[in-house]
């Protein structure tokens, strides 16, 4: 107990010393420590646990992300099968740091409960200081908070790896976090876990995007984006009606961009090409014949015209042969 108290005091001193440095914060951790003390008004020695929502409040928070939770739970189960036996728990929170879903082994439950990592607990940075969930939500990028990189002394026994999940408008809506209770978890291995968490969060985000545009065609935009796979959703007329965060960043798209759907070719090339009704009609004819493998009856049905009309249109565009 004396050793633990000494470790807490030493950590608090370390935090105060780092924040006293007047030069600009040189790392994500230092910047978060400063926010925790100077902006959020938290002291590293505070011992109170994370505040928990009431049962009704938690139910309302879950209802807001019900669709995401439905898609995320089976993917989280797969992640838990990989990391659960190493003393880790897997949690999904909303953008405000409220834990909505938690996967944990019985043997580790007491440790995580002691830290306040329960369903309904709030792990926003303004309440808990630097941590894998709240700091990830503010930074909007994957973060690794290893042991004494946590702001509050009571949390320095944990290692937390958080990754953001963005909605179809490119705004953060959730955080996927893996936290470890093991004292022997090395930072290098924690970096590997952070990459796994980030990939899983990207997978959940992709599933959410696809399901949100379930009647649209999902295409991968050409190019590389560090935020993940850039995805576009187009309707049956090849008009772009949605883009995930990676595509928005890569193509410099704003939320206002989608007030009016954009032709796919115009978005990719960056300039509009007027092909005229004649060219559009000719292209529609060729696509219908291609899809039906030359069956004119089916092609006419797809175009919602009679066979006679179809043949007249083919002759008009020089496609009758």
C-alpha atoms as a PDB file:
ATOM      1  CA  UNK A   1       0.000   0.000   0.000  1.00  0.00           C
ATOM      2  CA  UNK A   2       2.900   2.339   0.863  1.00  0.00           C
ATOM      3  CA  UNK A   3       4.589   1.517  -2.464  1.00  0.00           C
ATOM      4  CA  UNK A   4       1.357   2.252  -4.328  1.00  0.00           C
ATOM      5  CA  UNK A   5       0.912   5.584  -2.553  1.00  0.00           C
ATOM      6  CA  UNK A   6       4.514   6.466  -3.356  1.00  0.00           C
ATOM      7  CA  UNK A   7       3.958   5.605  -7.034  1.00  0.00           C
ATOM      8  CA  UNK A   8       0.859   7.806  -7.108  1.00  0.00           C
ATOM      9  CA  UNK A   9       2.719  10.735  -5.567  1.00  0.00           C
ATOM     10  CA  UNK A  10       5.649  10.286  -7.929  1.00  0.00           C
ATOM     11  CA  UNK A  11       3.311  10.269 -10.914  1.00  0.00           C
ATOM     12  CA  UNK A  12       1.488  13.400  -9.741  1.00  0.00           C
ATOM     13  CA  UNK A  13       4.849  15.156  -9.368  1.00  0.00           C
ATOM     14  CA  UNK A  14       5.839  14.050 -12.881  1.00  0.00           C
ATOM     15  CA  UNK A  15       2.631  15.443 -14.347  1.00  0.00           C
ATOM     16  CA  UNK A  16       2.990  18.800 -12.579  1.00  0.00           C
ATOM     17  CA  UNK A  17       6.605  19.065 -13.727  1.00  0.00           C
ATOM     18  CA  UNK A  18       5.692  18.370 -17.357  1.00  0.00           C
ATOM     19  CA  UNK A  19       2.849  20.896 -17.353  1.00  0.00           C
ATOM     20  CA  UNK A  20       5.108  23.561 -15.796  1.00  0.00           C
ATOM     21  CA  UNK A  21       7.277  23.522 -18.924  1.00  0.00           C
ATOM     22  CA  UNK A  22       6.350  26.628 -20.896  1.00  0.00           C
ATOM     23  CA  UNK A  23       7.376  25.361 -24.352  1.00  0.00           C
ATOM     24  CA  UNK A  24       4.642  24.047 -26.664  1.00  0.00           C
ATOM     25  CA  UNK A  25       3.489  20.502 -25.923  1.00  0.00           C
ATOM     26  CA  UNK A  26       5.789  18.144 -27.828  1.00  0.00           C
ATOM     27  CA  UNK A  27       3.507  15.107 -27.838  1.00  0.00           C
ATOM     28  CA  UNK A  28      -0.117  13.993 -27.778  1.00  0.00           C
ATOM     29  CA  UNK A  29       0.341  12.932 -24.144  1.00  0.00           C
ATOM     30  CA  UNK A  30       1.845  16.258 -23.009  1.00  0.00           C
ATOM     31  CA  UNK A  31      -0.910  18.193 -24.809  1.00  0.00           C
ATOM     32  CA  UNK A  32      -3.574  16.038 -23.181  1.00  0.00           C
ATOM     33  CA  UNK A  33      -2.021  16.419 -19.719  1.00  0.00           C
ATOM     34  CA  UNK A  34      -2.142  20.176 -20.131  1.00  0.00           C
ATOM     35  CA  UNK A  35      -5.766  20.111 -21.240  1.00  0.00           C
ATOM     36  CA  UNK A  36      -6.594  17.880 -18.276  1.00  0.00           C
ATOM     37  CA  UNK A  37      -5.177  20.307 -15.721  1.00  0.00           C
ATOM     38  CA  UNK A  38      -5.449  23.748 -17.283  1.00  0.00           C
ATOM     39  CA  UNK A  39      -8.681  23.379 -19.274  1.00  0.00           C
ATOM     40  CA  UNK A  40     -10.610  20.607 -17.528  1.00  0.00           C
ATOM     41  CA  UNK A  41      -9.443  21.506 -13.998  1.00  0.00           C
ATOM     42  CA  UNK A  42      -8.578  17.922 -12.961  1.00  0.00           C
ATOM     43  CA  UNK A  43      -5.752  17.105 -10.566  1.00  0.00           C
ATOM     44  CA  UNK A  44      -3.739  13.893 -11.114  1.00  0.00           C
ATOM     45  CA  UNK A  45      -4.241  12.786  -7.509  1.00  0.00           C
ATOM     46  CA  UNK A  46      -8.071  12.695  -7.684  1.00  0.00           C
ATOM     47  CA  UNK A  47      -9.291   9.236  -6.638  1.00  0.00           C
ATOM     48  CA  UNK A  48     -12.992   9.302  -7.513  1.00  0.00           C
ATOM     49  CA  UNK A  49     -14.186   6.729 -10.058  1.00  0.00           C
ATOM     50  CA  UNK A  50     -15.732   7.564 -13.397  1.00  0.00           C
ATOM     51  CA  UNK A  51     -19.314   8.809 -13.107  1.00  0.00           C
ATOM     52  CA  UNK A  52     -21.865   6.259 -14.288  1.00  0.00           C
ATOM     53  CA  UNK A  53     -25.102   7.016 -16.075  1.00  0.00           C
ATOM     54  CA  UNK A  54     -28.368   5.885 -14.565  1.00  0.00           C
ATOM     55  CA  UNK A  55     -30.076   2.885 -16.134  1.00  0.00           C
ATOM     56  CA  UNK A  56     -32.437   5.126 -18.103  1.00  0.00           C
ATOM     57  CA  UNK A  57     -29.631   7.434 -19.248  1.00  0.00           C
ATOM     58  CA  UNK A  58     -27.600   4.460 -20.458  1.00  0.00           C
ATOM     59  CA  UNK A  59     -30.603   3.046 -22.303  1.00  0.00           C
ATOM     60  CA  UNK A  60     -31.109   6.360 -24.128  1.00  0.00           C
ATOM     61  CA  UNK A  61     -27.402   6.536 -25.016  1.00  0.00           C
ATOM     62  CA  UNK A  62     -27.544   3.008 -26.453  1.00  0.00           C
ATOM     63  CA  UNK A  63     -30.680   3.803 -28.447  1.00  0.00           C
ATOM     64  CA  UNK A  64     -28.894   6.679 -30.198  1.00  0.00           C
ATOM     65  CA  UNK A  65     -26.280   4.231 -31.541  1.00  0.00           C
ATOM     66  CA  UNK A  66     -28.515   1.159 -31.758  1.00  0.00           C
ATOM     67  CA  UNK A  67     -27.747   0.560 -35.451  1.00  0.00           C
ATOM     68  CA  UNK A  68     -23.991   0.849 -34.906  1.00  0.00           C
ATOM     69  CA  UNK A  69     -24.098  -1.457 -31.868  1.00  0.00           C
ATOM     70  CA  UNK A  70     -25.972  -4.078 -33.884  1.00  0.00           C
ATOM     71  CA  UNK A  71     -23.238  -4.053 -36.524  1.00  0.00           C
ATOM     72  CA  UNK A  72     -20.312  -3.715 -34.123  1.00  0.00           C
ATOM     73  CA  UNK A  73     -21.059  -6.457 -31.591  1.00  0.00           C
ATOM     74  CA  UNK A  74     -20.129  -9.496 -33.743  1.00  0.00           C
ATOM     75  CA  UNK A  75     -16.943  -7.740 -34.904  1.00  0.00           C
ATOM     76  CA  UNK A  76     -16.074  -6.910 -31.299  1.00  0.00           C
ATOM     77  CA  UNK A  77     -16.572 -10.572 -30.408  1.00  0.00           C
ATOM     78  CA  UNK A  78     -13.936 -11.520 -32.969  1.00  0.00           C
ATOM     79  CA  UNK A  79     -11.537  -8.957 -31.529  1.00  0.00           C
ATOM     80  CA  UNK A  80     -12.195 -10.218 -27.998  1.00  0.00           C
ATOM     81  CA  UNK A  81     -11.376 -13.788 -29.036  1.00  0.00           C
ATOM     82  CA  UNK A  82      -7.942 -12.487 -30.021  1.00  0.00           C
ATOM     83  CA  UNK A  83      -7.142 -10.271 -27.022  1.00  0.00           C
ATOM     84  CA  UNK A  84      -9.420 -11.510 -24.229  1.00  0.00           C
ATOM     85  CA  UNK A  85      -7.037 -14.162 -22.910  1.00  0.00           C
ATOM     86  CA  UNK A  86      -4.243 -11.602 -22.509  1.00  0.00           C
ATOM     87  CA  UNK A  87      -6.009  -9.745 -19.702  1.00  0.00           C
ATOM     88  CA  UNK A  88      -7.771  -7.252 -21.972  1.00  0.00           C
ATOM     89  CA  UNK A  89     -11.331  -6.009 -22.156  1.00  0.00           C
ATOM     90  CA  UNK A  90     -12.993  -4.599 -25.272  1.00  0.00           C
ATOM     91  CA  UNK A  91     -15.395  -1.677 -25.025  1.00  0.00           C
ATOM     92  CA  UNK A  92     -17.376   0.537 -27.375  1.00  0.00           C
ATOM     93  CA  UNK A  93     -18.250   4.053 -26.257  1.00  0.00           C
ATOM     94  CA  UNK A  94     -20.149   6.933 -27.783  1.00  0.00           C
ATOM     95  CA  UNK A  95     -18.340  10.135 -28.746  1.00  0.00           C
ATOM     96  CA  UNK A  96     -18.789  11.425 -25.182  1.00  0.00           C
ATOM     97  CA  UNK A  97     -16.896   8.482 -23.695  1.00  0.00           C
ATOM     98  CA  UNK A  98     -19.917   6.615 -22.295  1.00  0.00           C
ATOM     99  CA  UNK A  99     -19.250   2.848 -22.287  1.00  0.00           C
ATOM    100  CA  UNK A 100     -22.159   1.258 -24.179  1.00  0.00           C
ATOM    101  CA  UNK A 101     -20.886  -2.311 -24.589  1.00  0.00           C
ATOM    102  CA  UNK A 102     -18.163  -4.238 -22.761  1.00  0.00           C
ATOM    103  CA  UNK A 103     -16.585  -7.651 -23.312  1.00  0.00           C
ATOM    104  CA  UNK A 104     -14.495  -8.993 -20.447  1.00  0.00           C
ATOM    105  CA  UNK A 105     -13.356 -12.266 -18.877  1.00  0.00           C
ATOM    106  CA  UNK A 106     -14.680 -13.069 -15.406  1.00  0.00           C
ATOM    107  CA  UNK A 107     -11.135 -13.274 -14.033  1.00  0.00           C
ATOM    108  CA  UNK A 108     -10.405  -9.669 -15.042  1.00  0.00           C
ATOM    109  CA  UNK A 109     -13.742  -8.128 -14.102  1.00  0.00           C
ATOM    110  CA  UNK A 110     -12.771  -7.117 -10.563  1.00  0.00           C
ATOM    111  CA  UNK A 111      -9.681  -5.225 -11.753  1.00  0.00           C
ATOM    112  CA  UNK A 112     -11.531  -3.249 -14.399  1.00  0.00           C
ATOM    113  CA  UNK A 113     -14.473  -2.564 -12.096  1.00  0.00           C
ATOM    114  CA  UNK A 114     -12.008  -1.136  -9.560  1.00  0.00           C
ATOM    115  CA  UNK A 115     -10.839   1.324 -12.215  1.00  0.00           C
ATOM    116  CA  UNK A 116     -14.429   2.208 -13.080  1.00  0.00           C
ATOM    117  CA  UNK A 117     -14.411   0.674 -16.550  1.00  0.00           C
ATOM    118  CA  UNK A 118     -18.070  -0.395 -16.312  1.00  0.00           C
ATOM    119  CA  UNK A 119     -21.002  -0.144 -18.703  1.00  0.00           C
ATOM    120  CA  UNK A 120     -22.437   3.345 -18.400  1.00  0.00           C
ATOM    121  CA  UNK A 121     -19.220   4.862 -17.029  1.00  0.00           C
ATOM    122  CA  UNK A 122     -18.070   8.126 -18.607  1.00  0.00           C
ATOM    123  CA  UNK A 123     -14.447   8.148 -19.797  1.00  0.00           C
ATOM    124  CA  UNK A 124     -14.348  11.518 -21.524  1.00  0.00           C
ATOM    125  CA  UNK A 125     -11.087  13.420 -21.161  1.00  0.00           C
ATOM    126  CA  UNK A 126     -12.767  16.268 -19.274  1.00  0.00           C
ATOM    127  CA  UNK A 127     -13.772  13.801 -16.530  1.00  0.00           C
ATOM    128  CA  UNK A 128     -10.900  11.312 -16.451  1.00  0.00           C
ATOM    129  CA  UNK A 129      -8.003  13.254 -17.887  1.00  0.00           C
ATOM    130  CA  UNK A 130      -5.715  11.591 -20.420  1.00  0.00           C
ATOM    131  CA  UNK A 131      -7.014   8.107 -21.289  1.00  0.00           C
ATOM    132  CA  UNK A 132      -7.427   5.875 -24.332  1.00  0.00           C
ATOM    133  CA  UNK A 133     -11.116   6.672 -24.835  1.00  0.00           C
ATOM    134  CA  UNK A 134     -11.487  10.362 -24.055  1.00  0.00           C
ATOM    135  CA  UNK A 135      -8.205  11.450 -25.603  1.00  0.00           C
ATOM    136  CA  UNK A 136      -8.970   9.424 -28.737  1.00  0.00           C
ATOM    137  CA  UNK A 137     -12.328  11.200 -29.047  1.00  0.00           C
ATOM    138  CA  UNK A 138     -10.682  14.631 -28.816  1.00  0.00           C
ATOM    139  CA  UNK A 139      -7.749  13.835 -31.093  1.00  0.00           C
ATOM    140  CA  UNK A 140     -10.009  11.914 -33.522  1.00  0.00           C
ATOM    141  CA  UNK A 141      -7.230   9.418 -34.199  1.00  0.00           C
ATOM    142  CA  UNK A 142      -5.960   6.165 -32.728  1.00  0.00           C
ATOM    143  CA  UNK A 143      -4.077   6.633 -29.459  1.00  0.00           C
ATOM    144  CA  UNK A 144      -2.077   4.425 -27.112  1.00  0.00           C
ATOM    145  CA  UNK A 145      -2.015   5.469 -23.445  1.00  0.00           C
ATOM    146  CA  UNK A 146       0.523   3.180 -21.762  1.00  0.00           C
ATOM    147  CA  UNK A 147       0.415   2.976 -17.962  1.00  0.00           C
ATOM    148  CA  UNK A 148       1.856   6.221 -16.507  1.00  0.00           C
ATOM    149  CA  UNK A 149       0.944   8.127 -19.653  1.00  0.00           C
ATOM    150  CA  UNK A 150      -2.499   8.306 -18.045  1.00  0.00           C
ATOM    151  CA  UNK A 151      -3.122  11.625 -16.341  1.00  0.00           C
ATOM    152  CA  UNK A 152      -4.735  10.455 -13.122  1.00  0.00           C
ATOM    153  CA  UNK A 153      -2.551   8.442 -10.754  1.00  0.00           C
ATOM    154  CA  UNK A 154      -5.271   5.868 -10.102  1.00  0.00           C
ATOM    155  CA  UNK A 155      -5.192   4.817 -13.767  1.00  0.00           C
ATOM    156  CA  UNK A 156      -1.461   4.225 -14.221  1.00  0.00           C
ATOM    157  CA  UNK A 157      -1.865   0.451 -13.887  1.00  0.00           C
ATOM    158  CA  UNK A 158      -3.817   0.294 -17.166  1.00  0.00           C
ATOM    159  CA  UNK A 159      -2.821   0.375 -20.803  1.00  0.00           C
ATOM    160  CA  UNK A 160      -5.549   1.682 -23.105  1.00  0.00           C
ATOM    161  CA  UNK A 161      -5.699   1.600 -26.898  1.00  0.00           C
ATOM    162  CA  UNK A 162      -8.505   3.579 -28.523  1.00  0.00           C
ATOM    163  CA  UNK A 163      -9.529   4.138 -32.155  1.00  0.00           C
ATOM    164  CA  UNK A 164     -12.284   6.430 -33.480  1.00  0.00           C
ATOM    165  CA  UNK A 165     -15.297   5.378 -35.553  1.00  0.00           C
ATOM    166  CA  UNK A 166     -16.831   7.994 -37.857  1.00  0.00           C
ATOM    167  CA  UNK A 167     -20.380   8.303 -39.182  1.00  0.00           C
ATOM    168  CA  UNK A 168     -21.473   8.719 -42.805  1.00  0.00           C
ATOM    169  CA  UNK A 169     -20.995  12.506 -42.565  1.00  0.00           C
ATOM    170  CA  UNK A 170     -17.387  12.081 -41.446  1.00  0.00           C
ATOM    171  CA  UNK A 171     -18.069  13.097 -37.828  1.00  0.00           C
ATOM    172  CA  UNK A 172     -16.863  11.000 -34.895  1.00  0.00           C
ATOM    173  CA  UNK A 173     -19.649   8.924 -33.373  1.00  0.00           C
ATOM    174  CA  UNK A 174     -17.900   6.252 -31.278  1.00  0.00           C
ATOM    175  CA  UNK A 175     -14.619   4.931 -29.900  1.00  0.00           C
ATOM    176  CA  UNK A 176     -13.453   1.321 -29.878  1.00  0.00           C
ATOM    177  CA  UNK A 177     -11.080   0.658 -26.987  1.00  0.00           C
ATOM    178  CA  UNK A 178      -9.020  -2.259 -25.748  1.00  0.00           C
ATOM    179  CA  UNK A 179      -7.714  -1.878 -22.189  1.00  0.00           C
ATOM    180  CA  UNK A 180      -5.229  -4.163 -20.467  1.00  0.00           C
ATOM    181  CA  UNK A 181      -4.907  -4.893 -16.756  1.00  0.00           C
ATOM    182  CA  UNK A 182      -1.553  -6.681 -17.075  1.00  0.00           C
ATOM    183  CA  UNK A 183       1.451  -5.127 -15.387  1.00  0.00           C
ATOM    184  CA  UNK A 184       3.845  -6.861 -17.787  1.00  0.00           C
ATOM    185  CA  UNK A 185       2.325  -5.522 -21.000  1.00  0.00           C
ATOM    186  CA  UNK A 186       5.251  -4.073 -22.934  1.00  0.00           C
ATOM    187  CA  UNK A 187       4.775  -0.891 -24.929  1.00  0.00           C
ATOM    188  CA  UNK A 188       5.960  -2.498 -28.176  1.00  0.00           C
ATOM    189  CA  UNK A 189       3.293  -5.192 -27.915  1.00  0.00           C
ATOM    190  CA  UNK A 190       0.752  -2.513 -27.002  1.00  0.00           C
ATOM    191  CA  UNK A 191       1.594  -0.789 -30.304  1.00  0.00           C
ATOM    192  CA  UNK A 192       0.715  -4.008 -32.138  1.00  0.00           C
ATOM    193  CA  UNK A 193      -2.606  -4.145 -30.278  1.00  0.00           C
ATOM    194  CA  UNK A 194      -3.255  -0.497 -31.143  1.00  0.00           C
ATOM    195  CA  UNK A 195      -2.885  -1.324 -34.828  1.00  0.00           C
ATOM    196  CA  UNK A 196      -5.330  -4.226 -34.394  1.00  0.00           C
ATOM    197  CA  UNK A 197      -7.845  -1.966 -32.647  1.00  0.00           C
ATOM    198  CA  UNK A 198      -7.508   0.657 -35.374  1.00  0.00           C
ATOM    199  CA  UNK A 199      -8.096  -1.918 -38.118  1.00  0.00           C
ATOM    200  CA  UNK A 200     -11.137  -3.291 -36.292  1.00  0.00           C
ATOM    201  CA  UNK A 201     -12.586   0.200 -35.811  1.00  0.00           C
ATOM    202  CA  UNK A 202     -12.126   0.829 -39.536  1.00  0.00           C
ATOM    203  CA  UNK A 203     -13.922  -2.431 -40.282  1.00  0.00           C
ATOM    204  CA  UNK A 204     -16.867  -1.435 -38.080  1.00  0.00           C
ATOM    205  CA  UNK A 205     -16.978   1.982 -39.730  1.00  0.00           C
ATOM    206  CA  UNK A 206     -16.965   0.385 -43.197  1.00  0.00           C
ATOM    207  CA  UNK A 207     -19.795  -1.990 -42.269  1.00  0.00           C
ATOM    208  CA  UNK A 208     -21.793   0.940 -40.919  1.00  0.00           C
ATOM    209  CA  UNK A 209     -21.231   2.949 -44.109  1.00  0.00           C
ATOM    210  CA  UNK A 210     -22.265   0.045 -46.350  1.00  0.00           C
ATOM    211  CA  UNK A 211     -25.359  -0.694 -44.282  1.00  0.00           C
ATOM    212  CA  UNK A 212     -26.343   2.979 -44.216  1.00  0.00           C
ATOM    213  CA  UNK A 213     -26.353   3.000 -48.032  1.00  0.00           C
ATOM    214  CA  UNK A 214     -27.651  -0.546 -48.467  1.00  0.00           C
ATOM    215  CA  UNK A 215     -29.442   0.232 -51.743  1.00  0.00           C
ATOM    216  CA  UNK A 216     -26.501   2.111 -53.247  1.00  0.00           C
ATOM    217  CA  UNK A 217     -23.448   0.880 -55.067  1.00  0.00           C
ATOM    218  CA  UNK A 218     -20.328   1.147 -52.891  1.00  0.00           C
ATOM    219  CA  UNK A 219     -17.135   1.883 -54.799  1.00  0.00           C
ATOM    220  CA  UNK A 220     -13.566   2.388 -53.618  1.00  0.00           C
ATOM    221  CA  UNK A 221     -12.149   5.738 -54.688  1.00  0.00           C
ATOM    222  CA  UNK A 222      -8.762   5.519 -56.365  1.00  0.00           C
ATOM    223  CA  UNK A 223      -5.889   6.758 -54.249  1.00  0.00           C
ATOM    224  CA  UNK A 224      -4.407   6.285 -50.785  1.00  0.00           C
ATOM    225  CA  UNK A 225      -5.654   7.751 -47.539  1.00  0.00           C
ATOM    226  CA  UNK A 226      -4.067   7.181 -44.137  1.00  0.00           C
ATOM    227  CA  UNK A 227      -7.539   7.276 -42.565  1.00  0.00           C
ATOM    228  CA  UNK A 228      -8.519   3.978 -44.212  1.00  0.00           C
ATOM    229  CA  UNK A 229     -10.260   2.803 -47.360  1.00  0.00           C
ATOM    230  CA  UNK A 230     -11.952   5.730 -49.192  1.00  0.00           C
ATOM    231  CA  UNK A 231     -15.524   4.681 -50.023  1.00  0.00           C
ATOM    232  CA  UNK A 232     -18.171   6.350 -52.162  1.00  0.00           C
ATOM    233  CA  UNK A 233     -21.865   5.501 -52.397  1.00  0.00           C
ATOM    234  CA  UNK A 234     -23.585   6.048 -55.746  1.00  0.00           C
ATOM    235  CA  UNK A 235     -27.202   5.622 -56.750  1.00  0.00           C
ATOM    236  CA  UNK A 236     -28.546   3.817 -59.820  1.00  0.00           C
ATOM    237  CA  UNK A 237     -27.826   6.875 -61.976  1.00  0.00           C
ATOM    238  CA  UNK A 238     -24.139   6.962 -60.948  1.00  0.00           C
ATOM    239  CA  UNK A 239     -24.683  10.033 -58.776  1.00  0.00           C
ATOM    240  CA  UNK A 240     -22.559  10.144 -55.632  1.00  0.00           C
ATOM    241  CA  UNK A 241     -24.806  10.396 -52.580  1.00  0.00           C
ATOM    242  CA  UNK A 242     -22.310   9.656 -49.808  1.00  0.00           C
ATOM    243  CA  UNK A 243     -18.640   9.349 -48.883  1.00  0.00           C
ATOM    244  CA  UNK A 244     -16.866   8.083 -45.790  1.00  0.00           C
ATOM    245  CA  UNK A 245     -14.331  10.152 -43.853  1.00  0.00           C
ATOM    246  CA  UNK A 246     -11.356   8.769 -45.786  1.00  0.00           C
ATOM    247  CA  UNK A 247     -12.925   9.664 -49.147  1.00  0.00           C
ATOM    248  CA  UNK A 248     -13.981  13.101 -47.898  1.00  0.00           C
ATOM    249  CA  UNK A 249     -10.436  13.838 -46.748  1.00  0.00           C
ATOM    250  CA  UNK A 250      -8.799  12.466 -49.902  1.00  0.00           C
ATOM    251  CA  UNK A 251     -11.154  14.251 -52.329  1.00  0.00           C
ATOM    252  CA  UNK A 252     -11.543  17.384 -50.175  1.00  0.00           C
ATOM    253  CA  UNK A 253     -15.301  16.970 -49.843  1.00  0.00           C
ATOM    254  CA  UNK A 254     -17.402  18.988 -47.408  1.00  0.00           C
ATOM    255  CA  UNK A 255     -20.751  18.115 -45.864  1.00  0.00           C
ATOM    256  CA  UNK A 256     -22.387  20.711 -48.140  1.00  0.00           C
ATOM    257  CA  UNK A 257     -21.016  18.868 -51.176  1.00  0.00           C
ATOM    258  CA  UNK A 258     -23.820  16.321 -50.939  1.00  0.00           C
ATOM    259  CA  UNK A 259     -26.706  18.801 -50.841  1.00  0.00           C
ATOM    260  CA  UNK A 260     -27.103  17.902 -54.521  1.00  0.00           C
ATOM    261  CA  UNK A 261     -25.819  14.477 -55.708  1.00  0.00           C
ATOM    262  CA  UNK A 262     -22.675  14.651 -57.878  1.00  0.00           C
ATOM    263  CA  UNK A 263     -22.068  12.634 -61.047  1.00  0.00           C
ATOM    264  CA  UNK A 264     -19.421  10.024 -60.306  1.00  0.00           C
ATOM    265  CA  UNK A 265     -17.206  11.007 -63.252  1.00  0.00           C
ATOM    266  CA  UNK A 266     -17.363  14.702 -62.317  1.00  0.00           C
ATOM    267  CA  UNK A 267     -16.253  13.954 -58.766  1.00  0.00           C
ATOM    268  CA  UNK A 268     -13.345  11.734 -59.790  1.00  0.00           C
ATOM    269  CA  UNK A 269     -12.049  13.911 -62.655  1.00  0.00           C
ATOM    270  CA  UNK A 270     -12.820  17.190 -60.908  1.00  0.00           C
ATOM    271  CA  UNK A 271     -14.641  18.645 -63.912  1.00  0.00           C
ATOM    272  CA  UNK A 272     -18.070  18.204 -65.426  1.00  0.00           C
ATOM    273  CA  UNK A 273     -18.408  16.493 -68.785  1.00  0.00           C
ATOM    274  CA  UNK A 274     -21.611  17.199 -70.694  1.00  0.00           C
ATOM    275  CA  UNK A 275     -22.343  14.158 -72.784  1.00  0.00           C
ATOM    276  CA  UNK A 276     -25.844  15.222 -73.841  1.00  0.00           C
ATOM    277  CA  UNK A 277     -29.011  13.162 -73.937  1.00  0.00           C
ATOM    278  CA  UNK A 278     -27.999  11.366 -77.135  1.00  0.00           C
ATOM    279  CA  UNK A 279     -24.817   9.980 -75.590  1.00  0.00           C
ATOM    280  CA  UNK A 280     -26.587   9.117 -72.338  1.00  0.00           C
ATOM    281  CA  UNK A 281     -29.317   7.235 -74.231  1.00  0.00           C
ATOM    282  CA  UNK A 282     -26.748   5.347 -76.296  1.00  0.00           C
ATOM    283  CA  UNK A 283     -24.835   4.379 -73.140  1.00  0.00           C
ATOM    284  CA  UNK A 284     -28.062   3.188 -71.476  1.00  0.00           C
ATOM    285  CA  UNK A 285     -28.837   0.984 -74.476  1.00  0.00           C
ATOM    286  CA  UNK A 286     -25.394  -0.615 -74.488  1.00  0.00           C
ATOM    287  CA  UNK A 287     -25.494  -1.234 -70.730  1.00  0.00           C
ATOM    288  CA  UNK A 288     -28.926  -2.885 -70.923  1.00  0.00           C
ATOM    289  CA  UNK A 289     -27.838  -5.188 -73.764  1.00  0.00           C
ATOM    290  CA  UNK A 290     -24.630  -6.021 -71.938  1.00  0.00           C
ATOM    291  CA  UNK A 291     -26.432  -6.855 -68.693  1.00  0.00           C
ATOM    292  CA  UNK A 292     -28.901  -9.143 -70.489  1.00  0.00           C
ATOM    293  CA  UNK A 293     -26.146 -10.729 -72.624  1.00  0.00           C
ATOM    294  CA  UNK A 294     -27.840  -9.683 -75.869  1.00  0.00           C
ATOM    295  CA  UNK A 295     -31.350 -10.854 -74.954  1.00  0.00           C
ATOM    296  CA  UNK A 296     -33.421  -8.092 -76.574  1.00  0.00           C
ATOM    297  CA  UNK A 297     -36.630  -9.042 -74.783  1.00  0.00           C
ATOM    298  CA  UNK A 298     -34.957  -8.684 -71.373  1.00  0.00           C
ATOM    299  CA  UNK A 299     -33.120  -5.543 -72.479  1.00  0.00           C
ATOM    300  CA  UNK A 300     -36.389  -3.925 -73.549  1.00  0.00           C
ATOM    301  CA  UNK A 301     -37.940  -4.890 -70.223  1.00  0.00           C
ATOM    302  CA  UNK A 302     -35.031  -3.395 -68.300  1.00  0.00           C
ATOM    303  CA  UNK A 303     -35.380  -0.155 -70.255  1.00  0.00           C
ATOM    304  CA  UNK A 304     -39.157  -0.228 -69.803  1.00  0.00           C
ATOM    305  CA  UNK A 305     -39.837   0.022 -73.556  1.00  0.00           C
ATOM    306  CA  UNK A 306     -41.330  -2.317 -76.179  1.00  0.00           C
ATOM    307  CA  UNK A 307     -39.107  -4.492 -78.388  1.00  0.00           C
ATOM    308  CA  UNK A 308     -40.136  -2.398 -81.400  1.00  0.00           C
ATOM    309  CA  UNK A 309     -39.109   0.802 -79.628  1.00  0.00           C
ATOM    310  CA  UNK A 310     -35.830  -0.802 -78.602  1.00  0.00           C
ATOM    311  CA  UNK A 311     -34.994  -1.700 -82.201  1.00  0.00           C
ATOM    312  CA  UNK A 312     -35.859   1.832 -83.380  1.00  0.00           C
ATOM    313  CA  UNK A 313     -33.540   3.259 -80.709  1.00  0.00           C
ATOM    314  CA  UNK A 314     -30.743   0.870 -81.696  1.00  0.00           C
ATOM    315  CA  UNK A 315     -31.081   1.921 -85.356  1.00  0.00           C
ATOM    316  CA  UNK A 316     -31.102   5.575 -84.350  1.00  0.00           C
ATOM    317  CA  UNK A 317     -27.746   5.211 -82.595  1.00  0.00           C
ATOM    318  CA  UNK A 318     -26.170   2.933 -85.190  1.00  0.00           C
ATOM    319  CA  UNK A 319     -26.272  -0.085 -82.880  1.00  0.00           C
ATOM    320  CA  UNK A 320     -28.707  -2.242 -84.830  1.00  0.00           C
ATOM    321  CA  UNK A 321     -25.991  -4.571 -86.061  1.00  0.00           C
END
